[in-house]
Amino acid sequence: MKLFLPILLFLFANPDLAEVRKLYTDAAKSESNTKAFNEKVATIADNDPDKVLVAYKGCGLTLNSKFSKVLVDKISFMKAGAKLIDAAVAADPNNVEIRMIRLSVQESVPKIVGYRANKKEDKAMILKNFKDTGELKEYIRNFINQSKSFTPAERKSLK
């Protein structure tokens, strides 16, 4: 029994955030990348205290909608993912990484989906707090450099 408990905890432990971030950067590029990303975040509870991980799990669900063939599934994945992301933002509204996740989803979904209301708010928050992102500065900068939401002048101003 003593050996079983550590193995059980290992199997259901949250994934390493650095690994999740690495997979996230390529997750939308292909269905297989999305699947790998979702496998990594699948063990995260919807009410996990680490709201960054919850936001990544929500992002993974929204990516499932991109590759789903059934309209009802597309809608279901999108709603469930958006709900998790918005809950993470509500729980930790000053977290730049969570705002980056939501902005990345909102700028990539089709307008018809309607999940685009927070783009300006998230962009403004990211720009305002970029200097305070510490070890995430390069990670956030890489997002900004490929994002459709930021102008060349805004990209250049971030040092």
N, C-alpha and C. Protein backbone atom coordinates (compact mmCIF):
# COMPACT_ATOMS: atom_id res chain seq x y z
N MET A 1 0.82 -1.19 0.00
CA MET A 1 0.00 0.00 0.00
C MET A 1 0.87 1.26 0.00
N LYS A 2 1.97 1.23 0.73
CA LYS A 2 2.84 2.40 0.79
C LYS A 2 3.43 2.75 -0.57
N LEU A 3 3.69 1.75 -1.38
CA LEU A 3 4.22 1.97 -2.72
C LEU A 3 3.15 2.44 -3.68
N PHE A 4 1.93 2.00 -3.48
CA PHE A 4 0.83 2.32 -4.37
C PHE A 4 0.45 3.81 -4.32
N LEU A 5 0.44 4.41 -3.15
CA LEU A 5 0.02 5.81 -2.99
C LEU A 5 0.92 6.78 -3.77
N PRO A 6 2.25 6.68 -3.70
CA PRO A 6 3.07 7.59 -4.50
C PRO A 6 2.86 7.42 -6.01
N ILE A 7 2.65 6.20 -6.44
CA ILE A 7 2.40 5.96 -7.86
C ILE A 7 1.08 6.59 -8.26
N LEU A 8 0.06 6.43 -7.45
CA LEU A 8 -1.24 7.03 -7.71
C LEU A 8 -1.15 8.56 -7.76
N LEU A 9 -0.44 9.14 -6.82
CA LEU A 9 -0.26 10.60 -6.81
C LEU A 9 0.49 11.07 -8.04
N PHE A 10 1.48 10.31 -8.46
CA PHE A 10 2.24 10.67 -9.66
C PHE A 10 1.35 10.66 -10.89
N LEU A 11 0.50 9.67 -11.00
CA LEU A 11 -0.37 9.55 -12.17
C LEU A 11 -1.39 10.68 -12.27
N PHE A 12 -1.83 11.19 -11.13
CA PHE A 12 -2.86 12.21 -11.14
C PHE A 12 -2.35 13.60 -10.79
N ALA A 13 -1.06 13.75 -10.71
CA ALA A 13 -0.47 15.05 -10.40
C ALA A 13 -0.61 15.97 -11.61
N ASN A 14 -0.63 17.25 -11.32
CA ASN A 14 -0.70 18.21 -12.41
C ASN A 14 0.55 18.13 -13.27
N PRO A 15 0.39 18.43 -14.54
CA PRO A 15 1.55 18.42 -15.43
C PRO A 15 2.49 19.59 -15.12
N ASP A 16 3.69 19.45 -15.54
CA ASP A 16 4.69 20.50 -15.38
C ASP A 16 4.30 21.70 -16.23
N LEU A 17 4.22 22.87 -15.63
CA LEU A 17 3.78 24.07 -16.33
C LEU A 17 4.72 24.42 -17.49
N ALA A 18 6.00 24.21 -17.33
CA ALA A 18 6.95 24.48 -18.42
C ALA A 18 6.65 23.60 -19.63
N GLU A 19 6.31 22.35 -19.39
CA GLU A 19 5.95 21.44 -20.48
C GLU A 19 4.66 21.87 -21.16
N VAL A 20 3.69 22.27 -20.36
CA VAL A 20 2.42 22.74 -20.90
C VAL A 20 2.65 23.96 -21.79
N ARG A 21 3.47 24.89 -21.33
CA ARG A 21 3.77 26.09 -22.13
C ARG A 21 4.43 25.71 -23.45
N LYS A 22 5.34 24.78 -23.40
CA LYS A 22 6.04 24.36 -24.61
C LYS A 22 5.06 23.74 -25.61
N LEU A 23 4.19 22.86 -25.14
CA LEU A 23 3.21 22.24 -26.02
C LEU A 23 2.19 23.24 -26.54
N TYR A 24 1.84 24.22 -25.73
CA TYR A 24 0.86 25.25 -26.10
C TYR A 24 1.30 26.02 -27.34
N THR A 25 2.58 26.32 -27.44
CA THR A 25 3.05 27.15 -28.55
C THR A 25 2.80 26.51 -29.91
N ASP A 26 2.72 25.19 -29.96
CA ASP A 26 2.48 24.50 -31.23
C ASP A 26 1.13 23.79 -31.30
N ALA A 27 0.34 23.90 -30.26
CA ALA A 27 -0.89 23.11 -30.15
C ALA A 27 -1.87 23.35 -31.30
N ALA A 28 -2.00 24.57 -31.75
CA ALA A 28 -2.99 24.89 -32.78
C ALA A 28 -2.53 24.53 -34.19
N LYS A 29 -1.28 24.16 -34.34
CA LYS A 29 -0.73 23.92 -35.68
C LYS A 29 -1.22 22.64 -36.34
N SER A 30 -1.64 21.67 -35.55
CA SER A 30 -2.12 20.42 -36.13
C SER A 30 -3.01 19.68 -35.14
N GLU A 31 -3.78 18.77 -35.66
CA GLU A 31 -4.65 17.97 -34.81
C GLU A 31 -3.83 17.10 -33.86
N SER A 32 -2.73 16.57 -34.32
CA SER A 32 -1.90 15.74 -33.45
C SER A 32 -1.26 16.57 -32.33
N ASN A 33 -0.87 17.80 -32.63
CA ASN A 33 -0.34 18.68 -31.59
C ASN A 33 -1.42 19.02 -30.56
N THR A 34 -2.64 19.26 -31.05
CA THR A 34 -3.75 19.53 -30.14
C THR A 34 -4.01 18.34 -29.24
N LYS A 35 -3.96 17.16 -29.81
CA LYS A 35 -4.18 15.93 -29.02
C LYS A 35 -3.10 15.79 -27.95
N ALA A 36 -1.84 16.02 -28.31
CA ALA A 36 -0.75 15.91 -27.34
C ALA A 36 -0.92 16.95 -26.22
N PHE A 37 -1.31 18.15 -26.59
CA PHE A 37 -1.54 19.20 -25.60
C PHE A 37 -2.66 18.81 -24.65
N ASN A 38 -3.76 18.31 -25.21
CA ASN A 38 -4.90 17.92 -24.38
C ASN A 38 -4.59 16.72 -23.48
N GLU A 39 -3.77 15.82 -23.96
CA GLU A 39 -3.35 14.70 -23.11
C GLU A 39 -2.56 15.21 -21.91
N LYS A 40 -1.78 16.24 -22.13
CA LYS A 40 -0.96 16.81 -21.04
C LYS A 40 -1.83 17.52 -20.00
N VAL A 41 -2.88 18.21 -20.43
CA VAL A 41 -3.69 19.01 -19.50
C VAL A 41 -4.94 18.28 -18.99
N ALA A 42 -5.15 17.06 -19.45
CA ALA A 42 -6.38 16.32 -19.12
C ALA A 42 -6.55 16.08 -17.62
N THR A 43 -5.48 15.94 -16.87
CA THR A 43 -5.59 15.63 -15.45
C THR A 43 -5.85 16.85 -14.58
N ILE A 44 -5.85 18.02 -15.17
CA ILE A 44 -6.08 19.25 -14.41
C ILE A 44 -7.56 19.35 -14.06
N ALA A 45 -7.86 19.52 -12.81
CA ALA A 45 -9.25 19.68 -12.37
C ALA A 45 -9.76 21.06 -12.76
N ASP A 46 -11.04 21.14 -13.09
CA ASP A 46 -11.63 22.42 -13.47
C ASP A 46 -11.54 23.45 -12.34
N ASN A 47 -11.49 22.98 -11.11
CA ASN A 47 -11.41 23.89 -9.96
C ASN A 47 -10.02 23.88 -9.32
N ASP A 48 -9.02 23.50 -10.07
CA ASP A 48 -7.64 23.46 -9.57
C ASP A 48 -7.25 24.84 -9.05
N PRO A 49 -6.52 24.92 -7.95
CA PRO A 49 -6.09 26.22 -7.44
C PRO A 49 -5.12 26.96 -8.37
N ASP A 50 -4.40 26.23 -9.21
CA ASP A 50 -3.50 26.88 -10.17
C ASP A 50 -4.31 27.29 -11.40
N LYS A 51 -4.74 28.54 -11.41
CA LYS A 51 -5.65 29.03 -12.45
C LYS A 51 -4.97 29.14 -13.81
N VAL A 52 -3.66 29.23 -13.84
CA VAL A 52 -2.96 29.22 -15.12
C VAL A 52 -3.17 27.87 -15.81
N LEU A 53 -3.03 26.80 -15.05
CA LEU A 53 -3.26 25.47 -15.62
C LEU A 53 -4.71 25.30 -16.06
N VAL A 54 -5.65 25.83 -15.30
CA VAL A 54 -7.07 25.76 -15.67
C VAL A 54 -7.29 26.48 -17.00
N ALA A 55 -6.65 27.64 -17.16
CA ALA A 55 -6.78 28.38 -18.42
C ALA A 55 -6.20 27.59 -19.59
N TYR A 56 -5.07 26.94 -19.38
CA TYR A 56 -4.51 26.11 -20.45
C TYR A 56 -5.44 24.94 -20.79
N LYS A 57 -6.05 24.35 -19.78
CA LYS A 57 -7.00 23.26 -20.04
C LYS A 57 -8.17 23.79 -20.87
N GLY A 58 -8.66 24.97 -20.53
CA GLY A 58 -9.73 25.59 -21.31
C GLY A 58 -9.32 25.84 -22.74
N CYS A 59 -8.09 26.30 -22.92
CA CYS A 59 -7.56 26.53 -24.27
C CYS A 59 -7.53 25.22 -25.05
N GLY A 60 -7.14 24.14 -24.40
CA GLY A 60 -7.12 22.84 -25.06
C GLY A 60 -8.50 22.42 -25.53
N LEU A 61 -9.51 22.67 -24.71
CA LEU A 61 -10.88 22.34 -25.11
C LEU A 61 -11.31 23.15 -26.33
N THR A 62 -10.97 24.44 -26.34
CA THR A 62 -11.34 25.26 -27.50
C THR A 62 -10.63 24.78 -28.75
N LEU A 63 -9.41 24.29 -28.60
CA LEU A 63 -8.69 23.74 -29.76
C LEU A 63 -9.36 22.47 -30.28
N ASN A 64 -9.95 21.70 -29.39
CA ASN A 64 -10.70 20.52 -29.83
C ASN A 64 -11.82 20.92 -30.77
N SER A 65 -12.42 22.07 -30.53
CA SER A 65 -13.51 22.52 -31.40
C SER A 65 -13.01 22.80 -32.81
N LYS A 66 -11.77 23.21 -32.91
CA LYS A 66 -11.18 23.50 -34.23
C LYS A 66 -11.11 22.24 -35.09
N PHE A 67 -10.83 21.12 -34.49
CA PHE A 67 -10.61 19.89 -35.25
C PHE A 67 -11.78 18.91 -35.22
N SER A 68 -12.82 19.25 -34.46
CA SER A 68 -13.99 18.37 -34.40
C SER A 68 -14.77 18.44 -35.71
N LYS A 69 -15.33 17.32 -36.10
CA LYS A 69 -16.09 17.25 -37.35
C LYS A 69 -17.59 17.47 -37.13
N VAL A 70 -18.04 17.33 -35.89
CA VAL A 70 -19.46 17.42 -35.56
C VAL A 70 -19.76 18.79 -34.95
N LEU A 71 -20.71 19.51 -35.51
CA LEU A 71 -21.03 20.87 -35.07
C LEU A 71 -21.40 20.93 -33.60
N VAL A 72 -22.19 20.00 -33.13
CA VAL A 72 -22.59 20.00 -31.72
C VAL A 72 -21.36 19.86 -30.82
N ASP A 73 -20.41 19.03 -31.22
CA ASP A 73 -19.17 18.87 -30.46
C ASP A 73 -18.34 20.14 -30.49
N LYS A 74 -18.27 20.78 -31.66
CA LYS A 74 -17.53 22.04 -31.78
C LYS A 74 -18.05 23.06 -30.78
N ILE A 75 -19.37 23.19 -30.74
CA ILE A 75 -20.00 24.16 -29.84
C ILE A 75 -19.76 23.79 -28.39
N SER A 76 -19.89 22.52 -28.08
CA SER A 76 -19.70 22.04 -26.72
C SER A 76 -18.27 22.27 -26.23
N PHE A 77 -17.29 21.92 -27.06
CA PHE A 77 -15.89 22.15 -26.69
C PHE A 77 -15.60 23.64 -26.50
N MET A 78 -16.13 24.46 -27.39
CA MET A 78 -15.88 25.90 -27.31
C MET A 78 -16.47 26.49 -26.04
N LYS A 79 -17.71 26.13 -25.74
CA LYS A 79 -18.36 26.65 -24.53
C LYS A 79 -17.64 26.20 -23.26
N ALA A 80 -17.28 24.93 -23.20
CA ALA A 80 -16.60 24.40 -22.01
C ALA A 80 -15.24 25.06 -21.84
N GLY A 81 -14.50 25.22 -22.94
CA GLY A 81 -13.18 25.84 -22.86
C GLY A 81 -13.26 27.30 -22.46
N ALA A 82 -14.18 28.04 -23.08
CA ALA A 82 -14.35 29.46 -22.76
C ALA A 82 -14.75 29.64 -21.30
N LYS A 83 -15.59 28.75 -20.81
CA LYS A 83 -16.03 28.82 -19.42
C LYS A 83 -14.83 28.67 -18.46
N LEU A 84 -13.95 27.72 -18.75
CA LEU A 84 -12.76 27.52 -17.90
C LEU A 84 -11.82 28.72 -17.97
N ILE A 85 -11.61 29.22 -19.17
CA ILE A 85 -10.71 30.37 -19.33
C ILE A 85 -11.27 31.58 -18.59
N ASP A 86 -12.55 31.86 -18.79
CA ASP A 86 -13.16 33.02 -18.12
C ASP A 86 -13.17 32.86 -16.60
N ALA A 87 -13.35 31.65 -16.12
CA ALA A 87 -13.29 31.40 -14.67
C ALA A 87 -11.88 31.66 -14.14
N ALA A 88 -10.88 31.28 -14.92
CA ALA A 88 -9.49 31.53 -14.51
C ALA A 88 -9.21 33.03 -14.46
N VAL A 89 -9.70 33.76 -15.45
CA VAL A 89 -9.52 35.22 -15.46
C VAL A 89 -10.23 35.84 -14.26
N ALA A 90 -11.45 35.41 -13.99
CA ALA A 90 -12.20 35.95 -12.87
C ALA A 90 -11.50 35.69 -11.53
N ALA A 91 -10.89 34.52 -11.41
CA ALA A 91 -10.20 34.15 -10.18
C ALA A 91 -8.86 34.86 -10.01
N ASP A 92 -8.22 35.20 -11.12
CA ASP A 92 -6.90 35.83 -11.07
C ASP A 92 -6.80 36.87 -12.19
N PRO A 93 -7.54 37.98 -12.06
CA PRO A 93 -7.64 38.95 -13.16
C PRO A 93 -6.34 39.69 -13.48
N ASN A 94 -5.38 39.67 -12.60
CA ASN A 94 -4.12 40.38 -12.84
C ASN A 94 -3.01 39.49 -13.35
N ASN A 95 -3.35 38.29 -13.76
CA ASN A 95 -2.36 37.35 -14.25
C ASN A 95 -2.19 37.53 -15.76
N VAL A 96 -1.03 38.00 -16.16
CA VAL A 96 -0.76 38.29 -17.57
C VAL A 96 -0.81 37.02 -18.42
N GLU A 97 -0.33 35.92 -17.91
CA GLU A 97 -0.33 34.69 -18.69
C GLU A 97 -1.75 34.21 -18.98
N ILE A 98 -2.62 34.30 -18.00
CA ILE A 98 -4.01 33.90 -18.22
C ILE A 98 -4.66 34.82 -19.25
N ARG A 99 -4.38 36.11 -19.18
CA ARG A 99 -4.92 37.05 -20.17
C ARG A 99 -4.38 36.75 -21.55
N MET A 100 -3.11 36.37 -21.63
CA MET A 100 -2.51 36.00 -22.91
C MET A 100 -3.23 34.78 -23.50
N ILE A 101 -3.53 33.81 -22.65
CA ILE A 101 -4.22 32.60 -23.11
C ILE A 101 -5.58 32.97 -23.67
N ARG A 102 -6.33 33.79 -22.93
CA ARG A 102 -7.66 34.17 -23.41
C ARG A 102 -7.58 34.97 -24.70
N LEU A 103 -6.63 35.90 -24.78
CA LEU A 103 -6.47 36.68 -26.01
C LEU A 103 -6.12 35.78 -27.18
N SER A 104 -5.26 34.81 -26.96
CA SER A 104 -4.86 33.91 -28.06
C SER A 104 -6.06 33.13 -28.59
N VAL A 105 -6.95 32.73 -27.70
CA VAL A 105 -8.15 32.01 -28.13
C VAL A 105 -9.09 32.97 -28.84
N GLN A 106 -9.34 34.12 -28.24
CA GLN A 106 -10.32 35.05 -28.81
C GLN A 106 -9.90 35.60 -30.16
N GLU A 107 -8.62 35.77 -30.39
CA GLU A 107 -8.21 36.29 -31.69
C GLU A 107 -8.18 35.21 -32.77
N SER A 108 -8.28 33.94 -32.37
CA SER A 108 -8.20 32.88 -33.37
C SER A 108 -9.56 32.24 -33.70
N VAL A 109 -10.57 32.48 -32.89
CA VAL A 109 -11.87 31.88 -33.19
C VAL A 109 -12.60 32.73 -34.23
N PRO A 110 -13.40 32.09 -35.07
CA PRO A 110 -14.17 32.84 -36.07
C PRO A 110 -15.14 33.81 -35.40
N LYS A 111 -15.41 34.93 -36.05
CA LYS A 111 -16.32 35.93 -35.49
C LYS A 111 -17.68 35.35 -35.16
N ILE A 112 -18.14 34.41 -35.96
CA ILE A 112 -19.45 33.82 -35.74
C ILE A 112 -19.58 33.13 -34.39
N VAL A 113 -18.47 32.71 -33.82
CA VAL A 113 -18.48 32.04 -32.52
C VAL A 113 -18.89 33.03 -31.42
N GLY A 114 -18.48 34.27 -31.56
CA GLY A 114 -18.87 35.30 -30.61
C GLY A 114 -17.99 35.42 -29.38
N TYR A 115 -16.96 34.64 -29.28
CA TYR A 115 -16.08 34.71 -28.11
C TYR A 115 -14.90 35.64 -28.43
N ARG A 116 -15.20 36.95 -28.47
CA ARG A 116 -14.17 37.91 -28.85
C ARG A 116 -14.27 39.20 -28.04
N ALA A 117 -15.11 39.24 -27.03
CA ALA A 117 -15.45 40.48 -26.33
C ALA A 117 -14.31 41.07 -25.50
N ASN A 118 -13.32 40.29 -25.14
CA ASN A 118 -12.30 40.76 -24.20
C ASN A 118 -10.96 41.07 -24.84
N LYS A 119 -10.90 41.08 -26.15
CA LYS A 119 -9.62 41.26 -26.83
C LYS A 119 -8.94 42.57 -26.45
N LYS A 120 -9.64 43.67 -26.51
CA LYS A 120 -9.04 44.98 -26.19
C LYS A 120 -8.62 45.04 -24.72
N GLU A 121 -9.48 44.55 -23.85
CA GLU A 121 -9.19 44.54 -22.41
C GLU A 121 -7.94 43.72 -22.10
N ASP A 122 -7.86 42.52 -22.68
CA ASP A 122 -6.70 41.66 -22.43
C ASP A 122 -5.43 42.23 -23.02
N LYS A 123 -5.53 42.78 -24.22
CA LYS A 123 -4.36 43.40 -24.85
C LYS A 123 -3.84 44.55 -23.99
N ALA A 124 -4.73 45.42 -23.54
CA ALA A 124 -4.34 46.56 -22.71
C ALA A 124 -3.68 46.09 -21.41
N MET A 125 -4.24 45.05 -20.81
CA MET A 125 -3.68 44.53 -19.56
C MET A 125 -2.29 43.94 -19.79
N ILE A 126 -2.13 43.23 -20.89
CA ILE A 126 -0.82 42.65 -21.21
C ILE A 126 0.22 43.75 -21.44
N LEU A 127 -0.13 44.74 -22.22
CA LEU A 127 0.80 45.84 -22.49
C LEU A 127 1.17 46.58 -21.21
N LYS A 128 0.19 46.84 -20.37
CA LYS A 128 0.42 47.58 -19.12
C LYS A 128 1.33 46.81 -18.17
N ASN A 129 1.19 45.51 -18.13
CA ASN A 129 1.90 44.71 -17.13
C ASN A 129 3.05 43.88 -17.69
N PHE A 130 3.38 44.07 -18.94
CA PHE A 130 4.44 43.28 -19.56
C PHE A 130 5.76 43.37 -18.81
N LYS A 131 6.10 44.56 -18.36
CA LYS A 131 7.38 44.76 -17.67
C LYS A 131 7.51 43.96 -16.38
N ASP A 132 6.37 43.52 -15.83
CA ASP A 132 6.36 42.80 -14.57
C ASP A 132 6.23 41.28 -14.74
N THR A 133 6.47 40.77 -15.94
CA THR A 133 6.26 39.34 -16.18
C THR A 133 7.44 38.46 -15.81
N GLY A 134 8.52 39.05 -15.35
CA GLY A 134 9.66 38.29 -14.84
C GLY A 134 10.19 37.27 -15.82
N GLU A 135 10.29 36.00 -15.37
CA GLU A 135 10.86 34.94 -16.21
C GLU A 135 9.96 34.59 -17.39
N LEU A 136 8.73 35.09 -17.41
CA LEU A 136 7.83 34.83 -18.53
C LEU A 136 7.95 35.88 -19.63
N LYS A 137 8.79 36.85 -19.43
CA LYS A 137 8.87 37.97 -20.38
C LYS A 137 9.12 37.49 -21.81
N GLU A 138 10.06 36.60 -22.01
CA GLU A 138 10.36 36.11 -23.36
C GLU A 138 9.20 35.31 -23.94
N TYR A 139 8.58 34.51 -23.10
CA TYR A 139 7.42 33.71 -23.50
C TYR A 139 6.27 34.60 -23.95
N ILE A 140 5.98 35.62 -23.16
CA ILE A 140 4.91 36.57 -23.49
C ILE A 140 5.29 37.37 -24.73
N ARG A 141 6.54 37.77 -24.83
CA ARG A 141 7.00 38.52 -26.00
C ARG A 141 6.84 37.69 -27.28
N ASN A 142 7.15 36.42 -27.21
CA ASN A 142 6.98 35.55 -28.38
C ASN A 142 5.51 35.49 -28.81
N PHE A 143 4.62 35.46 -27.84
CA PHE A 143 3.19 35.50 -28.18
C PHE A 143 2.85 36.82 -28.86
N ILE A 144 3.27 37.91 -28.27
CA ILE A 144 2.96 39.24 -28.81
C ILE A 144 3.49 39.38 -30.22
N ASN A 145 4.68 38.88 -30.48
CA ASN A 145 5.29 39.01 -31.81
C ASN A 145 4.53 38.26 -32.90
N GLN A 146 3.81 37.22 -32.56
CA GLN A 146 3.05 36.49 -33.57
C GLN A 146 1.56 36.82 -33.54
N SER A 147 1.14 37.59 -32.55
CA SER A 147 -0.27 37.91 -32.37
C SER A 147 -0.76 38.92 -33.39
N LYS A 148 -2.02 38.75 -33.82
CA LYS A 148 -2.65 39.68 -34.75
C LYS A 148 -3.15 40.93 -34.03
N SER A 149 -3.19 40.91 -32.72
CA SER A 149 -3.79 42.00 -31.95
C SER A 149 -2.84 43.17 -31.69
N PHE A 150 -1.55 42.94 -31.81
CA PHE A 150 -0.57 43.98 -31.47
C PHE A 150 0.01 44.61 -32.73
N THR A 151 0.19 45.92 -32.68
CA THR A 151 0.75 46.65 -33.81
C THR A 151 2.28 46.52 -33.79
N PRO A 152 2.92 46.80 -34.91
CA PRO A 152 4.39 46.77 -34.92
C PRO A 152 4.99 47.74 -33.91
N ALA A 153 4.38 48.89 -33.73
CA ALA A 153 4.89 49.86 -32.76
C ALA A 153 4.78 49.32 -31.33
N GLU A 154 3.68 48.65 -31.04
CA GLU A 154 3.52 48.07 -29.69
C GLU A 154 4.53 46.96 -29.48
N ARG A 155 4.77 46.16 -30.48
CA ARG A 155 5.78 45.10 -30.36
C ARG A 155 7.15 45.68 -30.09
N LYS A 156 7.48 46.73 -30.83
CA LYS A 156 8.80 47.35 -30.70
C LYS A 156 8.99 48.02 -29.34
N SER A 157 7.90 48.52 -28.76
CA SER A 157 8.01 49.24 -27.50
C SER A 157 8.27 48.34 -26.30
N LEU A 158 8.07 47.05 -26.45
CA LEU A 158 8.24 46.13 -25.33
C LEU A 158 9.68 45.66 -25.24
N LYS A 159 10.34 46.08 -24.24
CA LYS A 159 11.75 45.72 -24.05
C LYS A 159 11.92 45.00 -22.75
